[in-house]
Amino acid sequence: MVWEVVWSAKSVKQLGKIDKKNTQKIYDSVLDCIQDPFKTVIRLTNSPFYRLRIGSYRVILDLQQNKMIIFVVETDHRGRIYKK
């Protein structure tokens, strides 16, 4: 079964600040995991969220298993995303 991807307003705004090449890589990587997201994501320690690694960028995801939704919470550079 295929999962649905929902982007938060914050993640869309953050994507707008990233260069076009990396934005496309991030977008494609998120869409690549709609078949089985658990193959590519790792759960964050002491958190209900997961992370997807794309080069030096990280995408924080909330996987809602009962609704089959991948909710993209945040997207940012690895040096900044974990400090929030």
Protein backbone atom coordinates (compact mmCIF):
# COMPACT_ATOMS: atom_id res chain seq x y z
CA MET A 1 0.00 0.00 0.00
CA VAL A 2 1.10 3.54 -0.73
CA TRP A 3 1.51 6.18 1.94
CA GLU A 4 0.30 9.75 1.44
CA VAL A 5 2.78 12.63 1.94
CA VAL A 6 1.60 15.81 3.68
CA TRP A 7 3.97 18.81 3.93
CA SER A 8 3.63 21.23 6.85
CA ALA A 9 3.64 24.97 6.13
CA LYS A 10 6.91 25.27 8.06
CA SER A 11 8.65 22.61 5.96
CA VAL A 12 7.47 24.22 2.70
CA LYS A 13 8.84 27.58 3.90
CA GLN A 14 12.15 25.95 4.85
CA LEU A 15 12.37 24.25 1.44
CA GLY A 16 12.00 27.66 -0.18
CA LYS A 17 15.21 28.82 1.53
CA ILE A 18 17.25 25.86 0.19
CA ASP A 19 18.84 25.94 -3.27
CA LYS A 20 16.82 24.34 -6.10
CA LYS A 21 19.15 21.34 -6.60
CA ASN A 22 18.94 20.22 -2.97
CA THR A 23 15.22 21.02 -2.80
CA GLN A 24 14.59 18.61 -5.68
CA LYS A 25 16.73 15.92 -4.01
CA ILE A 26 14.77 16.30 -0.75
CA TYR A 27 11.42 16.21 -2.54
CA ASP A 28 12.39 13.11 -4.56
CA SER A 29 13.76 11.31 -1.49
CA VAL A 30 10.55 11.87 0.46
CA LEU A 31 8.49 10.58 -2.46
CA ASP A 32 10.78 7.54 -2.82
CA CYS A 33 9.78 6.29 0.62
CA ILE A 34 6.00 6.19 0.03
CA GLN A 35 6.03 2.43 -0.58
CA ASP A 36 7.72 1.49 2.70
CA PRO A 37 9.06 4.43 4.74
CA PHE A 38 10.51 2.19 7.45
CA LYS A 39 13.27 1.03 5.07
CA THR A 40 14.77 4.51 4.76
CA VAL A 41 13.93 6.41 7.95
CA ILE A 42 15.38 6.16 11.45
CA ARG A 43 13.50 6.90 14.64
CA LEU A 44 14.85 9.79 16.70
CA THR A 45 15.93 8.97 20.25
CA ASN A 46 13.34 9.90 22.89
CA SER A 47 10.97 11.28 20.25
CA PRO A 48 7.90 10.08 18.32
CA PHE A 49 9.43 11.45 15.09
CA TYR A 50 11.65 9.94 12.42
CA ARG A 51 14.43 11.41 10.31
CA LEU A 52 15.32 11.03 6.67
CA ARG A 53 18.89 11.87 5.66
CA ILE A 54 19.55 13.52 2.30
CA GLY A 55 23.20 14.57 2.09
CA SER A 56 23.76 17.32 4.64
CA TYR A 57 20.03 17.96 5.03
CA ARG A 58 17.58 16.24 7.35
CA VAL A 59 13.82 15.83 7.10
CA ILE A 60 11.87 15.27 10.31
CA LEU A 61 8.84 13.07 9.70
CA ASP A 62 5.80 12.01 11.69
CA LEU A 63 4.63 8.61 10.44
CA GLN A 64 0.94 8.19 11.19
CA GLN A 65 0.62 4.45 10.68
CA ASN A 66 -3.13 4.12 11.22
CA LYS A 67 -3.86 6.66 8.43
CA MET A 68 -0.83 5.76 6.22
CA ILE A 69 0.35 9.39 6.22
CA ILE A 70 3.93 10.68 6.11
CA PHE A 71 3.73 14.15 7.67
CA VAL A 72 6.82 16.26 6.92
CA VAL A 73 7.39 18.35 10.04
CA GLU A 74 10.67 20.16 9.27
CA THR A 75 13.40 20.30 6.65
CA ASP A 76 16.74 21.96 7.34
CA HIS A 77 20.51 21.61 7.35
CA ARG A 78 21.83 18.97 9.76
CA GLY A 79 23.67 21.59 11.83
CA ARG A 80 20.49 23.52 12.57
CA ILE A 81 17.59 21.10 12.62
CA TYR A 82 18.33 19.33 15.92
CA LYS A 83 18.80 22.59 17.86
CA LYS A 84 15.13 23.52 17.54
